[in-house]
Every structure is written in structure tokens, then in C-alpha cells.
Amino acid sequence: MARPRPRLHRWGWVVAVGFAVALAAVLLARSGVASDAIEVREAPLVRTLQFSGRVATLSRVDVGSTVTGRVRQVLVREGDRVEAGQPLVRLESEQTRAALAQAMANERQAQARLQGLRGSERRAAAAQLDQAEANLSAARSELSRAQQLVAQGFVSASRVDEARRALEVAQAQRDAAAAQLQARSGQGAELAQAQAQLAAARAAIEAAQARLAEDTVVAPTPARVLTRLVEPGQIVQPGRALLGLALAGPTQVVAQVDEAFLQQLRTGQPASVLADAFPERRMAARVLSIAPSVDAQRGAVEVKLALQGDPPDFLREDMTLSVEVITGRRDRALVIPARALRPADSGGDSVLVQDAGRAVARPVRTGLRTLDAVEVLEGLREGEQVLLAPALQAGDRVRATVIDWAPARSGAAIEAALSSDPMSSLSQGVGR
């Protein structure tokens, strides 16, 4: 008969298996958790904000006629650039020209009458006054002789009465001649009437000229024609728009930006603008103004940007543009991935760094942030390894593998921020 194996021998196998398991656990603990890590390095960091906007000029105006009339000519087309005072639309003006000619004839007539009063008629009136004064002097002498003859008894008293009546007639004629001369002088009523007629004629000329000028619609300032709403032969009236103009001035980009990004925006920030239809033509711009109020319905704030330099010819009013504004920039900064940040026990942010094979929590103070990168102001030194494994906890053993990492770079943002070329190319933005 075979002998049964001793129980002690079986327990030896159990101890051996347990020891193997414990040894494996120790070895696994010593090997640590695998984790990617990056070495903290200095790098440029640029934060940009991307949104859509539209082309807008400083102001638009509708121009029309101030009088009723029939259109003779439309002198511009949509898209034309016009200068101040340039004729845009001409109306038929035959009646106005006839009224002007009549007013000019009335002026010549009044001028001739006034010159006559100031010239020959005045000289004739002066001669009549001289004649009347001579007659008056003769009548006085005749009355004196008649009185002497009556006193001497040579003639009857009736002769004195006749001489007195002749003197009165001469006096009246003299007064009439003096009044006539005064009327033809600078203070006379007839001359004043002639001057008033001349002034009225000249006013009529000015009114006819102004009416004739209104038959031509002109550009108020340098502008570009946006819309043409009239054709030759149409009857137009005051208050009706004939042409829509975009007044010349700095071309602007107007955009509605989510109020969540309002804190990032400042006036004067550089930007790059791109039209989807012309992706090869980049335009430099700057933030011109930020509206003081927020649109409550859309939760957006209006931002205006001014294009730098002359705008390209392909820009159209209300064209949609893509805008990238540089809202923050560091030429050199300690930068780590945004996904490396963790909440600290005492509040704020922290990261895990590798120290003697273990993960150690390190509180940090951060600065500029983009979508994928964070500037570290305090808490880290250049060359330290920051761990990225999300499941890793402080105190865990770790097996770190250093990987290459750098902040995502926006071509336009970096080039515009660090070079002097404002028209550098634009690529995907770093963040918001």
C-alpha cells in the first residue's frame, strides 16, 4: 500500500504561492504607475479670440432730390467711387432755366431805371429847380416894383394883387421842383422804390439759381455708391431715396462677441482679418471700440475693429469676415499643458511633479491661459517634470515617460506679436 503524503508538504506549496504573489505585489509597487510627463520650459505664449464680423463703413446715407421733377440722367453706377460735389442725378430743368432768364431780365430793367434816376432824370430835375428859383426871384422883384408904383400913384392897387399871386405861383413851382429833385436823389422815395425793385430782381435770380442747382443731385462727401434706386424718365419727389452711399472713411469690422469673453478684450489690441472668399489676402486691424452695454437678448457685446491701411478692393459692405484678436501675449513664459492642472486642497490650482519616483502635489499660481496651455507664475522651476496621467494621485509611485510638448501656435498671432510684419499669415487660433 502507498503511503499518504504528509500534510506539512501541502502547506509548503501554499506558502510558496503566497510568497510569489507578495513578491509580485512588491515588485509592481516598486515599478510605479506609468505616466506621461513634460519638462517645464520657457516658450512664447499667445492667447487669441476668434469670431465672425461684418464689413461696415462709418456711416451710410440715402441721397434724394429736394424738388419734384423728371430724371434726365443718372450719372453713376453701383460700386462707383464719387467725390464731394460730383453730380449723381440730373433732373429736367427747362422751366427753372426760363424762370432764371426772366429774373435776369427783370434785374437789367430795374438796374436801368435806377441808373436813369441817378443820372439824366436827376440832372433834369436840378435844371427845373434852377428855373423855378429864377422865376421866384423875378416874381419877387415884380411885386416890389408894383408896390412902389402903387405908392407913387402910377398904377392901381390891383397891380400889386396880381404881382402877389404871381409870386405865390412861382413859390409853389419852386417847391415842386425841389421835391422832384429830392425824389431823384439818394433819399428820394422814387429812388428807394427803384432800389427795392432791383433787390427783388436779384433775389429772384438767386432763387432761380438755387432751384436750378436742386435739379442736380450731388455727392455730399467722398463716398461709394451702394444702391441705385432710380432710372432716367422717372418722376421723383422730395423724401424719396435715389441712391445709397457709403461715406468714405476708415473701413470698420463690426462683430457681436459673447459677453463671456468681455474680460479679455481691450481697445488697441492687434487683430488679423480674413475674408473667406479671399483666403490669401490677410488684413491687419486693431480693436477700435467696445460697446458700453450688452445686448440682453443675445448676451453679446458689440466690438468694432479698424482696418490698418487702405482696404482691398474686394471688400463689400456687410461682407462676413473671420477675425482673430490677440488678447494676451508673453514673449517668454514657463508654460505647461492646461490638462496638467488639478484643484488644490487649499483652493486654487496644483500640479503633480515627479520627486524620487513618486507623484508630489505642488500648488501653483497661474497667469495667462489658452485652450491648451497655461503660464505658471509661481510653484515650478524650469526643468521639473510635470505628470499628466489623470488617474495618478499624490504619493503614488510613478514611472514617468517624458514627451515632447509645446503650446499650440497661431501663425498670425505669433507673427503679428513677435515680428514687425502686420500682414503675417494667420492659422488656427491658440484659444479663447
Protein backbone atom coordinates (compact mmCIF):
# COMPACT_ATOMS: atom_id res chain seq x y z
CA MET A 1 0.00 0.00 0.00
CA ALA A 2 1.10 3.57 -0.90
CA ARG A 3 1.72 5.92 1.95
CA PRO A 4 -0.30 9.24 2.07
CA ARG A 5 1.69 12.46 1.57
CA PRO A 6 2.37 14.41 4.71
CA ARG A 7 0.14 17.44 5.35
CA LEU A 8 3.24 19.51 6.01
CA HIS A 9 4.29 19.08 2.39
CA ARG A 10 0.96 20.55 1.15
CA TRP A 11 1.35 23.62 3.33
CA GLY A 12 4.74 24.25 1.80
CA TRP A 13 3.13 24.72 -1.60
CA VAL A 14 0.63 27.23 -0.18
CA VAL A 15 3.39 29.27 1.43
CA ALA A 16 5.38 29.26 -1.78
CA VAL A 17 2.43 30.54 -3.84
CA GLY A 18 1.69 33.26 -1.25
CA PHE A 19 5.29 34.37 -1.24
CA ALA A 20 5.27 34.61 -5.03
CA VAL A 21 2.13 36.74 -5.00
CA ALA A 22 3.56 39.05 -2.32
CA LEU A 23 6.81 39.37 -4.22
CA ALA A 24 4.92 40.26 -7.40
CA ALA A 25 2.92 42.91 -5.50
CA VAL A 26 6.11 44.41 -4.09
CA LEU A 27 7.75 44.48 -7.47
CA LEU A 28 4.66 46.07 -9.02
CA ALA A 29 4.54 48.68 -6.28
CA ARG A 30 8.16 49.47 -6.77
CA SER A 31 7.71 49.81 -10.55
CA GLY A 32 5.03 52.53 -10.08
CA VAL A 33 2.18 53.86 -12.30
CA ALA A 34 3.11 54.72 -15.86
CA SER A 35 2.53 58.39 -16.72
CA ASP A 36 3.46 60.83 -19.46
CA ALA A 37 5.38 63.86 -18.24
CA ILE A 38 6.68 67.11 -19.70
CA GLU A 39 9.66 69.14 -18.66
CA VAL A 40 8.80 72.71 -17.75
CA ARG A 41 10.34 75.03 -20.32
CA GLU A 42 10.04 78.69 -21.31
CA ALA A 43 8.17 79.39 -24.53
CA PRO A 44 6.19 82.18 -26.21
CA LEU A 45 2.52 82.13 -25.33
CA VAL A 46 -0.19 83.96 -27.23
CA ARG A 47 -3.90 83.89 -26.49
CA THR A 48 -6.30 84.78 -29.29
CA LEU A 49 -10.03 85.18 -29.58
CA GLN A 50 -11.75 84.20 -32.81
CA PHE A 51 -15.17 85.36 -34.00
CA SER A 52 -17.02 86.48 -37.11
CA GLY A 53 -17.72 90.09 -38.07
CA ARG A 54 -19.04 92.10 -40.99
CA VAL A 55 -17.70 94.99 -43.03
CA ALA A 56 -19.19 98.37 -42.15
CA THR A 57 -18.32 101.95 -43.03
CA LEU A 58 -18.55 104.85 -40.61
CA SER A 59 -21.97 105.80 -41.94
CA ARG A 60 -24.39 105.32 -44.80
CA VAL A 61 -26.64 107.94 -46.30
CA ASP A 62 -29.52 107.94 -48.74
CA VAL A 63 -29.48 110.86 -51.15
CA GLY A 64 -32.50 112.20 -53.00
CA SER A 65 -33.99 115.25 -54.65
CA THR A 66 -35.38 118.23 -52.74
CA VAL A 67 -37.76 119.10 -55.62
CA THR A 68 -40.25 117.24 -57.77
CA GLY A 69 -39.11 116.56 -61.31
CA ARG A 70 -38.39 114.09 -64.08
CA VAL A 71 -34.99 112.35 -64.14
CA ARG A 72 -32.93 113.23 -67.22
CA GLN A 73 -29.66 111.41 -66.39
CA VAL A 74 -28.27 109.01 -63.79
CA LEU A 75 -24.51 109.55 -63.88
CA VAL A 76 -23.23 106.76 -61.60
CA ARG A 77 -23.50 103.02 -61.16
CA GLU A 78 -23.40 100.78 -58.12
CA GLY A 79 -19.83 100.40 -56.87
CA ASP A 80 -18.60 103.72 -58.28
CA ARG A 81 -16.50 105.95 -56.05
CA VAL A 82 -17.54 109.61 -56.08
CA GLU A 83 -16.04 112.83 -54.77
CA ALA A 84 -17.72 115.63 -52.84
CA GLY A 85 -19.85 117.77 -55.14
CA GLN A 86 -19.78 115.28 -58.01
CA PRO A 87 -23.11 115.20 -59.94
CA LEU A 88 -25.03 111.97 -59.42
CA VAL A 89 -28.50 112.56 -60.91
CA ARG A 90 -29.80 115.37 -63.15
CA LEU A 91 -33.47 116.37 -63.48
CA GLU A 92 -35.14 118.16 -66.36
CA SER A 93 -34.63 121.92 -65.81
CA GLU A 94 -36.24 123.82 -68.73
CA GLN A 95 -38.80 125.62 -66.53
CA THR A 96 -36.17 126.57 -64.00
CA ARG A 97 -33.91 127.96 -66.70
CA ALA A 98 -36.78 130.02 -68.10
CA ALA A 99 -37.52 131.43 -64.64
CA LEU A 100 -33.84 132.31 -64.26
CA ALA A 101 -33.80 134.10 -67.61
CA GLN A 102 -36.89 136.12 -66.66
CA ALA A 103 -35.38 137.08 -63.31
CA MET A 104 -32.19 138.24 -65.03
CA ALA A 105 -34.22 140.39 -67.46
CA ASN A 106 -36.07 141.97 -64.54
CA GLU A 107 -32.74 142.75 -62.92
CA ARG A 108 -31.49 144.52 -66.05
CA GLN A 109 -34.69 146.56 -66.25
CA ALA A 110 -34.50 147.63 -62.60
CA GLN A 111 -30.82 148.45 -62.99
CA ALA A 112 -31.53 150.67 -66.00
CA ARG A 113 -34.30 152.52 -64.19
CA LEU A 114 -32.11 153.10 -61.17
CA GLN A 115 -29.28 154.41 -63.32
CA GLY A 116 -31.74 156.74 -65.05
CA LEU A 117 -32.93 158.11 -61.74
CA ARG A 118 -29.38 158.64 -60.62
CA GLY A 119 -28.34 160.20 -63.97
CA SER A 120 -30.29 162.19 -66.58
CA GLU A 121 -33.56 162.47 -64.69
CA ARG A 122 -31.76 163.91 -61.68
CA ARG A 123 -29.98 166.44 -63.88
CA ALA A 124 -33.31 167.44 -65.47
CA ALA A 125 -34.88 167.86 -62.05
CA ALA A 126 -31.97 170.08 -60.97
CA ALA A 127 -32.44 172.26 -64.07
CA GLN A 128 -36.16 172.58 -63.35
CA LEU A 129 -35.37 173.67 -59.81
CA ASP A 130 -32.96 176.32 -61.11
CA GLN A 131 -35.62 177.59 -63.47
CA ALA A 132 -38.23 177.69 -60.70
CA GLU A 133 -35.91 179.62 -58.41
CA ALA A 134 -35.23 182.15 -61.18
CA ASN A 135 -38.96 182.59 -61.73
CA LEU A 136 -39.45 183.04 -57.99
CA SER A 137 -36.77 185.75 -57.88
CA ALA A 138 -38.39 187.57 -60.82
CA ALA A 139 -41.80 187.38 -59.16
CA ARG A 140 -40.44 188.92 -56.00
CA SER A 141 -38.88 191.77 -57.97
CA GLU A 142 -42.13 192.37 -59.82
CA LEU A 143 -44.06 192.55 -56.56
CA SER A 144 -41.58 195.08 -55.17
CA ARG A 145 -41.92 197.35 -58.24
CA ALA A 146 -45.69 197.12 -58.20
CA GLN A 147 -45.77 198.16 -54.57
CA GLN A 148 -43.53 201.17 -55.36
CA LEU A 149 -45.68 202.22 -58.33
CA VAL A 150 -48.86 201.98 -56.26
CA ALA A 151 -47.24 204.12 -53.57
CA GLN A 152 -46.33 206.72 -56.18
CA GLY A 153 -49.83 206.58 -57.69
CA PHE A 154 -48.77 205.46 -61.09
CA VAL A 155 -50.78 202.17 -61.03
CA SER A 156 -53.77 200.87 -59.23
CA ALA A 157 -53.70 198.55 -56.21
CA SER A 158 -54.88 195.66 -58.38
CA ARG A 159 -51.44 195.53 -59.93
CA VAL A 160 -49.99 194.61 -56.53
CA ASP A 161 -52.53 191.82 -56.13
CA GLU A 162 -51.56 190.33 -59.49
CA ALA A 163 -47.85 190.50 -58.63
CA ARG A 164 -48.52 188.81 -55.27
CA ARG A 165 -50.43 185.98 -56.96
CA ALA A 166 -47.58 185.53 -59.47
CA LEU A 167 -45.13 185.32 -56.58
CA GLU A 168 -47.21 182.61 -54.91
CA VAL A 169 -47.30 180.59 -58.13
CA ALA A 170 -43.53 180.89 -58.55
CA GLN A 171 -43.02 179.80 -54.94
CA ALA A 172 -45.18 176.72 -55.49
CA GLN A 173 -43.31 175.82 -58.67
CA ARG A 174 -40.03 176.16 -56.88
CA ASP A 175 -41.19 173.87 -54.05
CA ALA A 176 -42.41 171.29 -56.57
CA ALA A 177 -39.10 171.32 -58.43
CA ALA A 178 -37.20 170.91 -55.15
CA ALA A 179 -39.40 167.94 -54.20
CA GLN A 180 -38.84 166.36 -57.62
CA LEU A 181 -35.08 166.73 -57.27
CA GLN A 182 -35.18 165.24 -53.78
CA ALA A 183 -37.22 162.29 -55.07
CA ARG A 184 -34.47 161.57 -57.61
CA SER A 185 -31.67 161.99 -55.02
CA GLY A 186 -30.25 159.32 -52.75
CA GLN A 187 -33.00 159.82 -50.17
CA GLY A 188 -35.91 160.10 -52.52
CA ALA A 189 -38.90 157.78 -52.42
CA GLU A 190 -38.79 157.09 -56.16
CA LEU A 191 -35.13 156.16 -55.98
CA ALA A 192 -35.78 153.93 -52.97
CA GLN A 193 -38.54 152.19 -54.92
CA ALA A 194 -36.19 151.59 -57.84
CA GLN A 195 -33.56 150.18 -55.49
CA ALA A 196 -36.14 147.85 -53.95
CA GLN A 197 -37.14 146.62 -57.42
CA LEU A 198 -33.51 145.90 -58.22
CA ALA A 199 -33.06 143.98 -54.97
CA ALA A 200 -36.20 141.95 -55.66
CA ALA A 201 -34.93 141.09 -59.13
CA ARG A 202 -31.59 139.94 -57.77
CA ALA A 203 -33.31 137.83 -55.10
CA ALA A 204 -35.39 136.21 -57.83
CA ILE A 205 -32.16 135.38 -59.69
CA GLU A 206 -30.68 133.76 -56.59
CA ALA A 207 -33.87 131.76 -56.02
CA ALA A 208 -33.88 130.58 -59.65
CA GLN A 209 -30.20 129.63 -59.44
CA ALA A 210 -30.79 127.71 -56.22
CA ARG A 211 -33.76 125.93 -57.83
CA LEU A 212 -31.60 125.13 -60.85
CA ALA A 213 -28.90 123.72 -58.57
CA GLU A 214 -31.51 121.49 -56.93
CA ASP A 215 -32.15 119.90 -60.31
CA THR A 216 -28.74 118.21 -59.92
CA VAL A 217 -28.23 115.76 -57.04
CA VAL A 218 -24.57 115.79 -55.96
CA ALA A 219 -22.47 113.71 -53.59
CA PRO A 220 -22.28 115.30 -50.10
CA THR A 221 -18.80 113.88 -49.37
CA PRO A 222 -16.40 111.34 -50.87
CA ALA A 223 -18.31 108.06 -50.93
CA ARG A 224 -19.04 104.83 -52.77
CA VAL A 225 -22.38 104.08 -54.43
CA LEU A 226 -24.03 101.10 -52.75
CA THR A 227 -27.50 101.12 -54.30
CA ARG A 228 -29.08 102.79 -57.36
CA LEU A 229 -32.84 103.17 -56.99
CA VAL A 230 -33.68 105.46 -59.93
CA GLU A 231 -33.58 105.40 -63.73
CA PRO A 232 -33.98 108.11 -66.41
CA GLY A 233 -37.58 109.13 -67.06
CA GLN A 234 -38.84 108.51 -63.53
CA ILE A 235 -40.72 111.21 -61.64
CA VAL A 236 -39.07 111.83 -58.28
CA GLN A 237 -40.30 113.69 -55.22
CA PRO A 238 -38.68 115.06 -52.07
CA GLY A 239 -38.15 112.41 -49.44
CA ARG A 240 -37.57 109.53 -51.85
CA ALA A 241 -34.13 107.89 -51.80
CA LEU A 242 -32.47 107.81 -55.21
CA LEU A 243 -29.03 106.45 -54.28
CA GLY A 244 -27.49 104.79 -51.23
CA LEU A 245 -23.95 105.91 -50.41
CA ALA A 246 -21.29 104.61 -48.05
CA LEU A 247 -19.36 107.65 -46.91
CA ALA A 248 -15.62 107.44 -47.26
CA GLY A 249 -13.68 106.85 -44.05
CA PRO A 250 -11.84 104.14 -42.16
CA THR A 251 -13.36 100.77 -43.04
CA GLN A 252 -14.51 99.01 -39.90
CA VAL A 253 -15.36 95.47 -38.90
CA VAL A 254 -18.34 95.15 -36.55
CA ALA A 255 -18.85 91.96 -34.56
CA GLN A 256 -21.04 90.63 -31.79
CA VAL A 257 -18.83 88.86 -29.24
CA ASP A 258 -20.12 86.64 -26.44
CA GLU A 259 -20.07 88.55 -23.19
CA ALA A 260 -18.18 85.65 -21.57
CA PHE A 261 -15.04 86.90 -23.34
CA LEU A 262 -15.51 90.56 -22.49
CA GLN A 263 -12.77 90.49 -19.85
CA GLN A 264 -10.17 89.54 -22.49
CA LEU A 265 -10.89 92.43 -24.85
CA ARG A 266 -9.21 95.84 -24.75
CA THR A 267 -9.14 98.71 -27.21
CA GLY A 268 -5.97 98.84 -29.26
CA GLN A 269 -5.42 95.07 -29.34
CA PRO A 270 -3.95 93.86 -32.67
CA ALA A 271 -6.02 91.58 -34.85
CA SER A 272 -5.93 89.78 -38.17
CA VAL A 273 -8.94 89.70 -40.53
CA LEU A 274 -9.69 87.19 -43.26
CA ALA A 275 -12.43 87.08 -45.90
CA ASP A 276 -13.48 83.50 -46.63
CA ALA A 277 -13.75 84.29 -50.35
CA PHE A 278 -10.15 85.56 -50.45
CA PRO A 279 -8.19 83.38 -48.01
CA GLU A 280 -4.84 84.54 -49.39
CA ARG A 281 -5.48 88.19 -48.55
CA ARG A 282 -4.84 88.90 -44.87
CA MET A 283 -5.69 92.29 -43.36
CA ALA A 284 -4.26 93.83 -40.22
CA ALA A 285 -6.66 95.53 -37.81
CA ARG A 286 -6.96 96.85 -34.28
CA VAL A 287 -9.79 96.90 -31.75
CA LEU A 288 -11.31 100.34 -32.10
CA SER A 289 -14.12 100.33 -29.54
CA ILE A 290 -16.09 98.07 -27.23
CA ALA A 291 -19.75 98.92 -26.62
CA PRO A 292 -20.50 100.03 -23.05
CA SER A 293 -23.67 97.92 -22.93
CA VAL A 294 -24.51 94.28 -23.58
CA ASP A 295 -27.30 93.07 -25.84
CA ALA A 296 -29.56 91.35 -23.32
CA GLN A 297 -31.30 89.17 -25.90
CA ARG A 298 -28.14 87.76 -27.47
CA GLY A 299 -25.81 88.07 -24.49
CA ALA A 300 -23.25 89.74 -26.74
CA VAL A 301 -21.28 92.97 -26.81
CA GLU A 302 -20.58 94.93 -29.99
CA VAL A 303 -16.89 95.23 -30.87
CA LYS A 304 -15.58 97.47 -33.67
CA LEU A 305 -12.20 96.99 -35.33
CA ALA A 306 -10.48 99.42 -37.71
CA LEU A 307 -8.57 98.02 -40.67
CA GLN A 308 -5.00 99.27 -40.95
CA GLY A 309 -4.09 100.92 -44.23
CA ASP A 310 -6.19 101.10 -47.38
CA PRO A 311 -8.84 98.36 -47.57
CA PRO A 312 -8.59 95.99 -50.55
CA ASP A 313 -10.96 96.47 -53.46
CA PHE A 314 -12.73 93.16 -52.92
CA LEU A 315 -14.29 94.26 -49.63
CA ARG A 316 -18.04 94.78 -49.85
CA GLU A 317 -20.46 96.34 -47.41
CA ASP A 318 -21.78 93.70 -44.95
CA MET A 319 -19.27 91.07 -46.16
CA THR A 320 -18.66 88.42 -43.49
CA LEU A 321 -15.09 88.24 -42.16
CA SER A 322 -13.22 85.96 -39.78
CA VAL A 323 -11.43 87.86 -37.04
CA GLU A 324 -8.65 86.78 -34.68
CA VAL A 325 -7.75 89.21 -31.90
CA ILE A 326 -4.61 88.83 -29.82
CA THR A 327 -5.94 89.20 -26.29
CA GLY A 328 -2.79 88.19 -24.39
CA ARG A 329 0.88 87.64 -25.10
CA ARG A 330 4.04 86.54 -23.32
CA ASP A 331 7.31 86.57 -25.20
CA ARG A 332 8.83 84.12 -22.70
CA ALA A 333 6.93 82.25 -20.00
CA LEU A 334 7.03 78.97 -18.06
CA VAL A 335 4.31 77.02 -19.85
CA ILE A 336 2.58 73.73 -19.02
CA PRO A 337 -0.38 71.91 -20.59
CA ALA A 338 -3.76 73.03 -19.30
CA ARG A 339 -4.70 69.38 -18.67
CA ALA A 340 -1.93 69.11 -16.07
CA LEU A 341 -3.77 71.43 -13.66
CA ARG A 342 -5.65 69.94 -10.70
CA PRO A 343 -7.64 71.58 -7.92
CA ALA A 344 -5.53 72.16 -4.83
CA ASP A 345 -6.78 71.11 -1.37
CA SER A 346 -6.46 74.70 -0.14
CA GLY A 347 -8.10 76.15 -3.24
CA GLY A 348 -6.50 77.35 -6.43
CA ASP A 349 -4.53 75.14 -8.77
CA SER A 350 -1.89 72.48 -8.32
CA VAL A 351 0.11 70.01 -10.41
CA LEU A 352 1.78 66.67 -9.78
CA VAL A 353 5.55 66.63 -10.17
CA GLN A 354 7.88 63.65 -10.02
CA ASP A 355 10.14 63.58 -6.99
CA ALA A 356 12.26 60.49 -6.23
CA GLY A 357 9.91 58.24 -8.18
CA ARG A 358 6.72 59.47 -6.52
CA ALA A 359 3.99 61.93 -7.51
CA VAL A 360 4.10 65.04 -5.34
CA ALA A 361 1.36 67.71 -5.35
CA ARG A 362 2.67 71.22 -5.91
CA PRO A 363 0.41 74.31 -5.65
CA VAL A 364 0.99 76.81 -8.46
CA ARG A 365 -0.07 80.33 -9.31
CA THR A 366 -1.07 80.70 -12.92
CA GLY A 367 -1.27 83.62 -15.33
CA LEU A 368 -2.22 83.72 -18.99
CA ARG A 369 -4.31 80.79 -20.19
CA THR A 370 -5.17 79.50 -23.63
CA LEU A 371 -7.18 76.47 -24.72
CA ASP A 372 -4.26 74.08 -24.27
CA ALA A 373 -1.58 75.93 -22.29
CA VAL A 374 -1.14 77.78 -19.01
CA GLU A 375 1.50 80.23 -17.85
CA VAL A 376 2.95 79.35 -14.43
CA LEU A 377 4.00 82.34 -12.34
CA GLU A 378 4.95 80.58 -9.11
CA GLY A 379 5.40 77.00 -7.91
CA LEU A 380 7.55 75.44 -10.64
CA ARG A 381 11.10 75.73 -11.91
CA GLU A 382 12.40 75.19 -15.38
CA GLY A 383 13.41 71.55 -15.93
CA GLU A 384 10.98 69.99 -13.42
CA GLN A 385 8.79 67.16 -14.67
CA VAL A 386 5.04 67.67 -14.53
CA LEU A 387 2.94 64.50 -14.63
CA LEU A 388 -0.05 64.23 -16.93
CA ALA A 389 -1.81 60.94 -16.02
CA PRO A 390 -5.33 61.92 -14.83
CA ALA A 391 -5.72 58.86 -12.58
CA LEU A 392 -2.45 59.48 -10.75
CA GLN A 393 -2.71 60.56 -7.11
CA ALA A 394 -0.25 62.35 -4.84
CA GLY A 395 2.06 59.80 -3.14
CA ASP A 396 1.77 57.16 -5.87
CA ARG A 397 4.90 55.65 -7.24
CA VAL A 398 5.26 56.64 -10.85
CA ARG A 399 7.14 55.60 -13.94
CA ALA A 400 7.36 58.82 -15.96
CA THR A 401 7.95 58.98 -19.69
CA VAL A 402 8.97 62.45 -20.85
CA ILE A 403 7.21 63.51 -24.05
CA ASP A 404 7.76 66.46 -26.37
CA TRP A 405 5.16 69.19 -25.92
CA ALA A 406 4.84 72.83 -26.91
CA PRO A 407 1.90 75.25 -26.87
CA ALA A 408 -0.20 75.28 -30.00
CA ARG A 409 0.94 78.18 -32.16
CA SER A 410 -1.33 80.53 -34.09
CA GLY A 411 0.61 81.67 -37.14
CA ALA A 412 -0.89 85.14 -37.33
CA ALA A 413 -0.93 85.61 -33.59
CA ILE A 414 2.71 84.70 -33.08
CA GLU A 415 3.97 86.50 -36.19
CA ALA A 416 1.97 89.67 -35.51
CA ALA A 417 3.01 89.64 -31.87
CA LEU A 418 6.71 88.97 -32.32
CA SER A 419 7.53 90.40 -35.76
CA SER A 420 7.16 93.80 -37.35
CA ASP A 421 5.17 92.49 -40.31
CA PRO A 422 1.48 93.31 -39.66
CA MET A 423 0.34 91.22 -42.64
CA SER A 424 1.78 87.91 -41.49
CA SER A 425 -0.23 84.80 -42.27
CA LEU A 426 -2.96 83.57 -39.98
CA SER A 427 -3.68 80.00 -38.89
CA GLN A 428 -5.84 78.28 -36.31
CA GLY A 429 -6.14 80.34 -33.10
CA VAL A 430 -4.47 79.26 -29.86
CA GLY A 431 -7.51 79.71 -27.70
CA ARG A 432 -10.26 81.87 -26.39
